[in-house]
Amino acid sequence: MKILIIGAGYIGKKCHEAWPESQISDKKLYTKADVLALLDEYRPDVVLNAAGTIGRPNVDWCEDFQWETIQGNTLLPINIAGACYERGIYVLHIGSGCIFYGGEKTWQENDFANPAAVYTKSKYAADLALMTLPNVGIARIRMPIDIIPYPGNLIDKLASYPKIIDVENSVTVIEDMVKAFYGLLEKKAPGIYHVTNPGSIRHRKIIELYEKYVDPNHKNEWITEEDLVSMGLAQKKRSNNILQSENLKNLGIKMRGVEDAVRDTIIKYAENKKAPQ
């Protein structure tokens, strides 16, 4: 299976490392014609779209750069899907589980989302446009957790914050994600998939594991969701939710339960953090 990964960011590179047969491109793509030229150059069997705009240092950037966000998260996926449709190629588009706001229910793949921020609205707009195309799969991930220290890793994010909200969420363990993505590409599975580890976990539990295995001297202050905005730590409330992964399970693609997967990941993370750089 010849895989072309579009986008050489954090997730794209992790998939490229895991799949020896894959090729990766960070070429800037602005039109469908640009994508068609890239497909003709690489001639892949399947495509993973790992490109997008997340904002730096965080998604609040997207509030101030709305057009750039729409270009990266809405127009680009549509152009990629359109070009792949024209060439008869399956594309797995990486979506975001952050389009759902509210932990009072468990969100399923076909539930209508309620995005509040520019970033989440731009991601959901792409989902709405692409979800019925027969050559497109949408793989939504949440709060990636990895064994390697990295600024985009949820472990590093939480450990770096002096003030943290204690909320319950679905998360995506990278080791399980790359296997699930590969399974979806192999099956050329259309539709929407929540690529999250079954169950949910609180930020407090992640910090407890971090203090046990990584840094026993770590300290932070716990605050409420309302404090996050009122203290000026975020422009808008963050998405907190629990996602169900029925469509993934129906395909026979399994991910480890969240508590076991996160514990194992933090233990490996601690080993990697201690290793000579």
Protein backbone atom coordinates (compact mmCIF):
# COMPACT_ATOMS: atom_id res chain seq x y z
CA MET A 1 0.00 0.00 0.00
CA LYS A 2 1.59 3.25 -1.19
CA ILE A 3 0.68 5.93 1.36
CA LEU A 4 1.15 9.63 0.76
CA ILE A 5 1.05 11.79 3.89
CA ILE A 6 0.21 15.43 3.23
CA GLY A 7 1.52 17.61 6.05
CA ALA A 8 4.83 17.16 7.89
CA GLY A 9 3.69 18.39 11.29
CA TYR A 10 3.62 16.50 14.58
CA ILE A 11 0.98 13.91 13.58
CA GLY A 12 2.18 13.53 9.99
CA LYS A 13 5.74 12.79 11.09
CA LYS A 14 4.60 10.27 13.73
CA CYS A 15 2.67 8.35 11.06
CA HIS A 16 5.59 8.54 8.61
CA GLU A 17 7.93 7.09 11.26
CA ALA A 18 5.49 4.22 11.92
CA TRP A 19 4.85 3.33 8.27
CA PRO A 20 8.08 2.49 6.36
CA GLU A 21 6.24 2.35 3.04
CA SER A 22 4.85 5.87 3.36
CA GLN A 23 6.02 9.07 1.71
CA ILE A 24 5.47 12.50 3.20
CA SER A 25 5.13 15.94 1.63
CA ASP A 26 5.12 19.37 3.24
CA LYS A 27 4.57 21.16 -0.07
CA LYS A 28 2.25 24.17 0.18
CA LEU A 29 -1.04 23.43 -1.57
CA TYR A 30 -3.44 26.24 -2.41
CA THR A 31 -5.68 24.83 -5.14
CA LYS A 32 -7.09 21.52 -6.33
CA ALA A 33 -4.67 21.75 -9.26
CA ASP A 34 -1.77 21.84 -6.77
CA VAL A 35 -3.08 18.65 -5.15
CA LEU A 36 -3.59 16.93 -8.50
CA ALA A 37 0.04 17.68 -9.42
CA LEU A 38 1.19 16.21 -6.10
CA LEU A 39 -0.87 13.05 -6.65
CA ASP A 40 0.56 12.65 -10.14
CA GLU A 41 4.07 13.04 -8.72
CA TYR A 42 3.73 10.41 -5.97
CA ARG A 43 0.98 8.17 -7.44
CA PRO A 44 -0.23 6.87 -4.06
CA ASP A 45 -2.84 4.19 -3.40
CA VAL A 46 -4.19 6.16 -0.43
CA VAL A 47 -3.64 9.58 1.15
CA LEU A 48 -3.52 10.73 4.76
CA ASN A 49 -4.28 14.43 5.14
CA ALA A 50 -2.35 15.54 8.22
CA ALA A 51 -2.14 19.18 7.14
CA GLY A 52 -4.02 21.95 8.90
CA THR A 53 -3.83 25.12 10.96
CA ILE A 54 -3.82 24.82 14.76
CA GLY A 55 -2.33 28.18 15.72
CA ARG A 56 0.72 29.07 17.78
CA PRO A 57 1.20 29.12 20.71
CA ASN A 58 -2.39 27.78 20.93
CA VAL A 59 -5.77 27.85 19.19
CA ASP A 60 -6.49 31.39 20.42
CA TRP A 61 -4.28 32.48 17.50
CA CYS A 62 -7.09 31.32 15.19
CA GLU A 63 -9.46 33.90 16.68
CA ASP A 64 -7.22 36.67 15.33
CA PHE A 65 -6.30 34.97 12.03
CA GLN A 66 -9.64 33.66 10.88
CA TRP A 67 -9.07 33.57 7.13
CA GLU A 68 -5.76 31.73 7.48
CA THR A 69 -7.53 29.22 9.74
CA ILE A 70 -10.35 28.67 7.24
CA GLN A 71 -7.83 28.21 4.42
CA GLY A 72 -5.89 25.54 6.34
CA ASN A 73 -8.77 23.67 7.98
CA THR A 74 -11.67 24.01 5.54
CA LEU A 75 -10.56 24.91 2.01
CA LEU A 76 -7.43 22.74 1.96
CA PRO A 77 -9.20 19.49 2.99
CA ILE A 78 -11.91 20.16 0.40
CA ASN A 79 -9.29 20.64 -2.33
CA ILE A 80 -7.44 17.48 -1.26
CA ALA A 81 -10.64 15.43 -1.17
CA GLY A 82 -11.74 16.82 -4.55
CA ALA A 83 -8.44 15.98 -6.21
CA CYS A 84 -8.43 12.48 -4.71
CA TYR A 85 -12.03 11.98 -5.85
CA GLU A 86 -11.02 12.96 -9.38
CA ARG A 87 -8.11 10.47 -9.35
CA GLY A 88 -10.09 7.69 -7.67
CA ILE A 89 -7.92 7.74 -4.53
CA TYR A 90 -9.08 7.21 -0.94
CA VAL A 91 -8.14 9.95 1.55
CA LEU A 92 -8.23 9.78 5.35
CA HIS A 93 -8.66 13.30 6.70
CA ILE A 94 -7.61 13.99 10.28
CA GLY A 95 -10.45 15.82 12.00
CA SER A 96 -10.85 17.07 15.55
CA GLY A 97 -12.98 15.83 18.40
CA CYS A 98 -12.81 19.35 19.82
CA ILE A 99 -15.87 20.27 17.73
CA PHE A 100 -18.05 18.97 20.60
CA TYR A 101 -18.56 21.11 23.70
CA GLY A 102 -20.05 19.52 26.80
CA GLY A 103 -19.13 16.59 29.02
CA GLU A 104 -22.70 15.93 30.12
CA LYS A 105 -23.21 13.36 27.34
CA THR A 106 -21.19 10.90 25.29
CA TRP A 107 -20.82 12.15 21.73
CA GLN A 108 -21.21 9.73 18.84
CA GLU A 109 -19.74 10.03 15.36
CA ASN A 110 -22.91 11.24 13.64
CA ASP A 111 -24.04 13.67 16.34
CA PHE A 112 -24.31 17.28 15.22
CA ALA A 113 -21.48 19.28 16.76
CA ASN A 114 -21.68 22.62 18.57
CA PRO A 115 -18.31 24.31 17.88
CA ALA A 116 -17.72 27.65 19.57
CA ALA A 117 -14.21 28.76 18.56
CA VAL A 118 -12.93 29.70 15.10
CA TYR A 119 -10.62 26.67 15.06
CA THR A 120 -13.40 24.18 15.87
CA LYS A 121 -15.84 25.83 13.46
CA SER A 122 -13.30 25.60 10.63
CA LYS A 123 -12.66 21.90 11.38
CA TYR A 124 -16.37 21.07 11.53
CA ALA A 125 -17.04 22.93 8.27
CA ALA A 126 -14.68 20.49 6.52
CA ASP A 127 -16.43 17.52 8.15
CA LEU A 128 -19.83 18.71 6.94
CA ALA A 129 -18.54 19.19 3.39
CA LEU A 130 -16.72 15.84 3.16
CA MET A 131 -18.64 13.37 5.31
CA THR A 132 -20.73 11.85 2.49
CA LEU A 133 -18.00 11.47 -0.14
CA PRO A 134 -17.39 7.76 -0.89
CA ASN A 135 -13.60 8.20 -1.05
CA VAL A 136 -13.22 10.07 2.26
CA GLY A 137 -12.76 8.90 5.83
CA ILE A 138 -12.70 11.42 8.68
CA ALA A 139 -10.62 10.41 11.70
CA ARG A 140 -11.27 12.69 14.67
CA ILE A 141 -8.62 12.76 17.37
CA ARG A 142 -8.56 14.37 20.83
CA MET A 143 -5.69 15.68 22.95
CA PRO A 144 -2.81 13.54 21.57
CA ILE A 145 -0.62 11.81 24.17
CA ASP A 146 2.78 10.48 23.13
CA ILE A 147 5.78 8.67 24.61
CA ILE A 148 8.12 11.36 23.23
CA PRO A 149 8.35 14.82 24.87
CA TYR A 150 6.99 17.46 22.49
CA PRO A 151 5.16 20.80 22.95
CA GLY A 152 2.02 19.37 21.27
CA ASN A 153 1.97 16.37 23.61
CA LEU A 154 -0.81 16.65 26.25
CA ILE A 155 1.65 15.47 28.90
CA ASP A 156 3.99 18.39 28.16
CA LYS A 157 1.11 20.84 27.91
CA LEU A 158 -0.37 19.96 31.30
CA ALA A 159 3.03 19.75 33.01
CA SER A 160 3.93 23.24 31.77
CA TYR A 161 0.77 24.96 33.02
CA PRO A 162 0.98 26.54 36.49
CA LYS A 163 -2.84 26.56 36.59
CA ILE A 164 -4.89 23.60 35.32
CA ILE A 165 -8.61 22.86 35.08
CA ASP A 166 -9.62 19.39 36.30
CA VAL A 167 -11.95 18.12 33.58
CA GLU A 168 -12.77 14.72 32.10
CA ASN A 169 -12.02 14.04 28.44
CA SER A 170 -11.43 11.51 25.74
CA VAL A 171 -7.81 11.38 24.58
CA THR A 172 -5.85 9.83 21.71
CA VAL A 173 -2.71 7.84 22.53
CA ILE A 174 -0.40 8.21 19.53
CA GLU A 175 0.88 4.60 19.59
CA ASP A 176 -2.70 3.36 19.17
CA MET A 177 -3.66 6.13 16.74
CA VAL A 178 -1.09 5.24 14.07
CA LYS A 179 -2.32 1.63 14.08
CA ALA A 180 -5.96 2.73 13.84
CA PHE A 181 -5.16 5.13 10.99
CA TYR A 182 -3.35 2.34 9.12
CA GLY A 183 -6.35 0.05 9.54
CA LEU A 184 -8.69 2.71 8.13
CA LEU A 185 -6.36 3.29 5.17
CA GLU A 186 -6.13 -0.46 4.49
CA LYS A 187 -9.92 -0.77 4.48
CA LYS A 188 -10.39 2.53 2.60
CA ALA A 189 -13.17 3.12 5.08
CA PRO A 190 -15.54 6.02 4.33
CA GLY A 191 -17.43 7.92 7.02
CA ILE A 192 -16.54 9.37 10.41
CA TYR A 193 -14.41 7.70 13.10
CA HIS A 194 -13.59 8.84 16.61
CA VAL A 195 -9.99 7.70 16.96
CA THR A 196 -9.87 7.94 20.75
CA ASN A 197 -9.00 5.38 23.40
CA PRO A 198 -12.18 3.88 24.91
CA GLY A 199 -13.21 5.57 28.15
CA SER A 200 -12.24 8.94 29.56
CA ILE A 201 -9.66 10.39 31.93
CA ARG A 202 -9.40 13.48 34.11
CA HIS A 203 -6.52 15.95 33.95
CA ARG A 204 -5.92 15.31 37.64
CA LYS A 205 -5.29 11.61 36.95
CA ILE A 206 -2.78 12.44 34.20
CA ILE A 207 -0.93 14.78 36.56
CA GLU A 208 -0.94 12.11 39.30
CA LEU A 209 0.71 9.68 36.88
CA TYR A 210 3.15 12.38 35.78
CA GLU A 211 4.16 13.07 39.38
CA LYS A 212 4.49 9.33 40.12
CA TYR A 213 6.60 8.36 37.10
CA VAL A 214 8.20 11.57 35.78
CA ASP A 215 8.54 14.40 38.29
CA PRO A 216 7.57 13.90 41.97
CA ASN A 217 8.37 17.58 42.63
CA HIS A 218 5.87 18.90 40.09
CA LYS A 219 3.41 21.50 41.43
CA ASN A 220 0.39 23.22 39.96
CA GLU A 221 -2.75 25.06 41.03
CA TRP A 222 -6.20 23.68 40.18
CA ILE A 223 -8.73 26.20 38.83
CA THR A 224 -12.24 26.08 37.33
CA GLU A 225 -13.21 26.34 33.67
CA GLU A 226 -14.65 29.79 34.36
CA ASP A 227 -11.32 30.89 35.88
CA LEU A 228 -9.56 29.97 32.63
CA VAL A 229 -11.27 32.80 30.76
CA SER A 230 -11.75 35.27 33.63
CA MET A 231 -8.03 35.12 34.46
CA GLY A 232 -7.16 35.83 30.82
CA LEU A 233 -5.54 32.40 30.29
CA ALA A 234 -7.77 31.72 27.26
CA GLN A 235 -9.96 33.83 25.00
CA LYS A 236 -12.75 31.23 24.92
CA LYS A 237 -13.66 28.16 26.94
CA ARG A 238 -11.95 25.00 25.77
CA SER A 239 -13.81 21.97 24.44
CA ASN A 240 -14.25 19.17 26.98
CA ASN A 241 -16.02 16.00 25.95
CA ILE A 242 -16.23 12.22 25.92
CA LEU A 243 -16.39 10.55 22.51
CA GLN A 244 -17.73 7.14 21.58
CA SER A 245 -15.93 5.13 18.89
CA GLU A 246 -18.66 2.80 17.64
CA ASN A 247 -17.74 3.05 13.95
CA LEU A 248 -14.11 2.13 14.65
CA LYS A 249 -15.19 -0.85 16.75
CA ASN A 250 -17.61 -2.00 14.03
CA LEU A 251 -14.66 -2.27 11.63
CA GLY A 252 -12.76 -4.45 14.11
CA ILE A 253 -10.15 -1.75 14.78
CA LYS A 254 -9.31 -1.71 18.49
CA MET A 255 -7.53 0.79 20.72
CA ARG A 256 -6.48 0.12 24.31
CA GLY A 257 -8.62 1.34 27.19
CA VAL A 258 -7.69 4.88 28.13
CA GLU A 259 -6.36 4.29 31.67
CA ASP A 260 -4.02 1.43 30.70
CA ALA A 261 -2.87 3.21 27.55
CA VAL A 262 -2.14 6.51 29.30
CA ARG A 263 -0.29 4.83 32.17
CA ASP A 264 1.87 2.83 29.74
CA THR A 265 2.54 5.97 27.69
CA ILE A 266 3.60 8.06 30.69
CA ILE A 267 5.96 5.29 31.90
CA LYS A 268 7.60 5.21 28.44
CA TYR A 269 7.58 9.02 28.34
CA ALA A 270 9.51 9.08 31.64
CA GLU A 271 12.12 6.69 30.20
CA ASN A 272 12.50 8.81 27.07
CA LYS A 273 12.78 12.00 29.09
CA LYS A 274 15.65 10.54 31.12
CA ALA A 275 17.47 9.20 28.06
CA PRO A 276 20.45 11.19 26.72
CA GLN A 277 19.41 13.57 23.96
